Amino acid sequence: MPPSREFPDAPRVGVGAVVLEADRVLLVRRGEAPSRGKWSIPGGLVHLGERIEDAVRRELREECGLEIHLLGVCGVIERVRRDPEDAPADSGRVRYHYVIVDFAAVPAGGTLCAGSDAAEAAWVPVADLARYDTTDGLADMVCRAVRMRQGGTIG
């Protein structure tokens, strides 16, 4: 039985990919909680014994139908949501706790389609990100990946 995502007994490790193609980024609209309905980068949980690089490649195949070439880690984020949502930050049971390693990537094959827990998948111009209801920190992570692809620093 897989570990519970909701009200876990320990943080869950996840991976994501900021997939860049020309001036566009791949976004998925989340079909499941947390962040249902919001646009995000594709990704998911790492399976026990699975390397994070293999996990992110698997997630992109399952969620978007794409093969990717990884450029490297562009950031690590932590998401903690407590229950109830309006409780002070240091009280209430932890409903979700994810530590997510995000990679910069470029497409390497496949055909884009929404699968797995993605309600939609789309190539979005980076300049249009502000028009989308995205998960917290998405624009910053995309900027980090763009700098990485251009050979700049991501710090």
Protein backbone atom coordinates (compact mmCIF):
# COMPACT_ATOMS: atom_id res chain seq x y z
CA MET A 1 0.00 0.00 0.00
CA PRO A 2 1.53 3.36 -1.02
CA PRO A 3 2.17 5.90 1.73
CA SER A 4 -0.60 8.40 2.34
CA ARG A 5 -0.26 11.74 0.60
CA GLU A 6 -2.80 13.35 2.88
CA PHE A 7 -1.92 13.63 6.59
CA PRO A 8 1.41 11.83 6.05
CA ASP A 9 3.66 10.50 8.81
CA ALA A 10 6.73 12.00 7.07
CA PRO A 11 7.44 14.44 4.21
CA ARG A 12 6.99 13.04 0.69
CA VAL A 13 9.70 13.54 -1.96
CA GLY A 14 8.53 14.80 -5.31
CA VAL A 15 10.06 15.85 -8.60
CA GLY A 16 9.04 18.30 -11.29
CA ALA A 17 10.31 19.37 -14.70
CA VAL A 18 10.40 22.87 -16.16
CA VAL A 19 10.37 21.74 -19.79
CA LEU A 20 11.40 24.53 -22.14
CA GLU A 21 10.94 24.65 -25.92
CA ALA A 22 12.00 27.88 -27.63
CA ASP A 23 10.15 30.64 -25.71
CA ARG A 24 7.52 28.29 -24.26
CA VAL A 25 7.20 26.22 -21.09
CA LEU A 26 5.17 23.07 -20.58
CA LEU A 27 2.37 23.49 -18.02
CA VAL A 28 -0.24 21.07 -16.74
CA ARG A 29 -3.51 21.88 -15.02
CA ARG A 30 -3.73 19.78 -11.87
CA GLY A 31 -6.61 17.34 -11.83
CA GLU A 32 -6.09 16.22 -8.23
CA ALA A 33 -5.45 17.75 -4.81
CA PRO A 34 -3.41 19.51 -3.74
CA SER A 35 -3.61 22.51 -6.10
CA ARG A 36 -6.47 21.02 -8.16
CA GLY A 37 -7.31 23.36 -11.05
CA LYS A 38 -4.07 25.34 -10.89
CA TRP A 39 -1.46 25.33 -13.63
CA SER A 40 1.88 23.86 -12.62
CA ILE A 41 4.92 22.13 -13.98
CA PRO A 42 4.48 18.37 -14.49
CA GLY A 43 5.81 16.01 -11.87
CA GLY A 44 4.92 13.71 -9.00
CA LEU A 45 6.20 11.52 -6.23
CA VAL A 46 9.38 9.49 -6.23
CA HIS A 47 8.82 5.76 -5.75
CA LEU A 48 10.79 3.90 -3.10
CA GLY A 49 14.14 2.85 -4.61
CA GLU A 50 13.71 5.08 -7.68
CA ARG A 51 16.39 7.63 -8.57
CA ILE A 52 15.03 11.19 -8.82
CA GLU A 53 16.19 11.52 -12.44
CA ASP A 54 14.29 8.35 -13.35
CA ALA A 55 11.24 9.55 -11.41
CA VAL A 56 11.01 12.85 -13.28
CA ARG A 57 11.37 11.11 -16.65
CA ARG A 58 8.65 8.59 -15.67
CA GLU A 59 6.33 11.35 -14.50
CA LEU A 60 6.69 13.26 -17.77
CA ARG A 61 5.87 10.12 -19.78
CA GLU A 62 2.84 9.35 -17.60
CA GLU A 63 1.54 12.88 -17.22
CA CYS A 64 2.36 14.39 -20.63
CA GLY A 65 3.44 11.64 -23.04
CA LEU A 66 6.88 13.22 -23.48
CA GLU A 67 10.47 12.08 -23.24
CA ILE A 68 12.83 14.72 -21.86
CA HIS A 69 16.52 15.55 -21.66
CA LEU A 70 17.46 16.87 -18.21
CA LEU A 71 19.66 19.97 -17.97
CA GLY A 72 20.07 19.78 -14.20
CA VAL A 73 18.40 20.76 -10.93
CA CYS A 74 17.02 24.30 -11.07
CA GLY A 75 15.57 24.40 -7.56
CA VAL A 76 14.17 22.67 -4.51
CA ILE A 77 10.95 23.79 -2.88
CA GLU A 78 8.97 22.72 0.15
CA ARG A 79 5.18 22.72 0.34
CA VAL A 80 3.52 22.35 3.74
CA ARG A 81 -0.26 22.70 4.06
CA ARG A 82 -1.92 22.46 7.42
CA ASP A 83 -5.47 21.54 8.33
CA PRO A 84 -7.52 23.65 8.72
CA GLU A 85 -6.15 26.05 6.09
CA ASP A 86 -6.85 29.11 8.25
CA ALA A 87 -4.86 27.82 11.25
CA PRO A 88 -1.73 29.74 12.24
CA ALA A 89 1.36 28.53 10.36
CA ASP A 90 2.74 26.67 13.38
CA SER A 91 -0.42 24.83 14.47
CA GLY A 92 -2.87 22.31 13.06
CA ARG A 93 -2.20 18.87 11.63
CA VAL A 94 -0.04 18.68 8.51
CA ARG A 95 -2.35 17.83 5.63
CA TYR A 96 0.39 17.76 2.94
CA HIS A 97 4.18 18.00 3.18
CA TYR A 98 6.24 17.75 0.01
CA VAL A 99 9.92 18.38 -0.68
CA ILE A 100 10.14 18.83 -4.45
CA VAL A 101 13.27 18.73 -6.60
CA ASP A 102 12.65 20.64 -9.84
CA PHE A 103 14.73 20.01 -12.96
CA ALA A 104 15.21 22.16 -16.05
CA ALA A 105 14.61 20.06 -19.17
CA VAL A 106 14.00 20.14 -22.90
CA PRO A 107 11.73 17.82 -24.90
CA ALA A 108 13.40 14.80 -26.51
CA GLY A 109 10.45 12.97 -28.09
CA GLY A 110 6.89 11.82 -27.68
CA THR A 111 3.56 13.53 -28.32
CA LEU A 112 2.06 15.96 -25.84
CA CYS A 113 -1.14 14.68 -24.23
CA ALA A 114 -2.70 15.05 -20.79
CA GLY A 115 -2.53 11.80 -18.86
CA SER A 116 -2.33 10.54 -15.29
CA ASP A 117 -3.49 13.29 -12.90
CA ALA A 118 -3.19 16.18 -15.41
CA ALA A 119 -6.52 17.66 -16.51
CA GLU A 120 -4.78 19.54 -19.36
CA ALA A 121 -1.28 19.97 -20.75
CA ALA A 122 -0.17 22.93 -22.86
CA TRP A 123 2.84 24.79 -24.20
CA VAL A 124 2.60 28.32 -22.81
CA PRO A 125 4.71 31.32 -23.85
CA VAL A 126 6.92 32.22 -20.89
CA ALA A 127 5.88 35.87 -21.40
CA ASP A 128 2.21 34.87 -20.78
CA LEU A 129 2.68 33.08 -17.42
CA ALA A 130 1.00 35.91 -15.49
CA ARG A 131 -2.27 35.16 -17.33
CA TYR A 132 -2.49 31.69 -15.75
CA ASP A 133 -3.60 30.68 -12.26
CA THR A 134 -0.36 28.95 -11.31
CA THR A 135 1.01 27.29 -8.21
CA ASP A 136 3.09 29.45 -5.86
CA GLY A 137 6.64 30.01 -7.02
CA LEU A 138 6.11 28.70 -10.56
CA ALA A 139 7.20 31.89 -12.36
CA ASP A 140 10.42 32.07 -10.31
CA MET A 141 11.25 28.42 -11.05
CA VAL A 142 10.63 28.96 -14.79
CA CYS A 143 12.97 31.98 -14.74
CA ARG A 144 15.61 29.87 -12.99
CA ALA A 145 15.28 27.17 -15.67
CA VAL A 146 15.48 29.72 -18.50
CA ARG A 147 18.72 31.12 -17.01
CA MET A 148 20.08 27.59 -16.65
CA ARG A 149 19.29 26.75 -20.29
CA GLN A 150 21.03 29.96 -21.35
CA GLY A 151 24.13 28.89 -19.42
CA GLY A 152 23.76 31.49 -16.68
CA THR A 153 23.70 31.04 -12.94
CA ILE A 154 20.51 30.06 -11.18
CA GLY A 155 21.37 31.28 -7.67
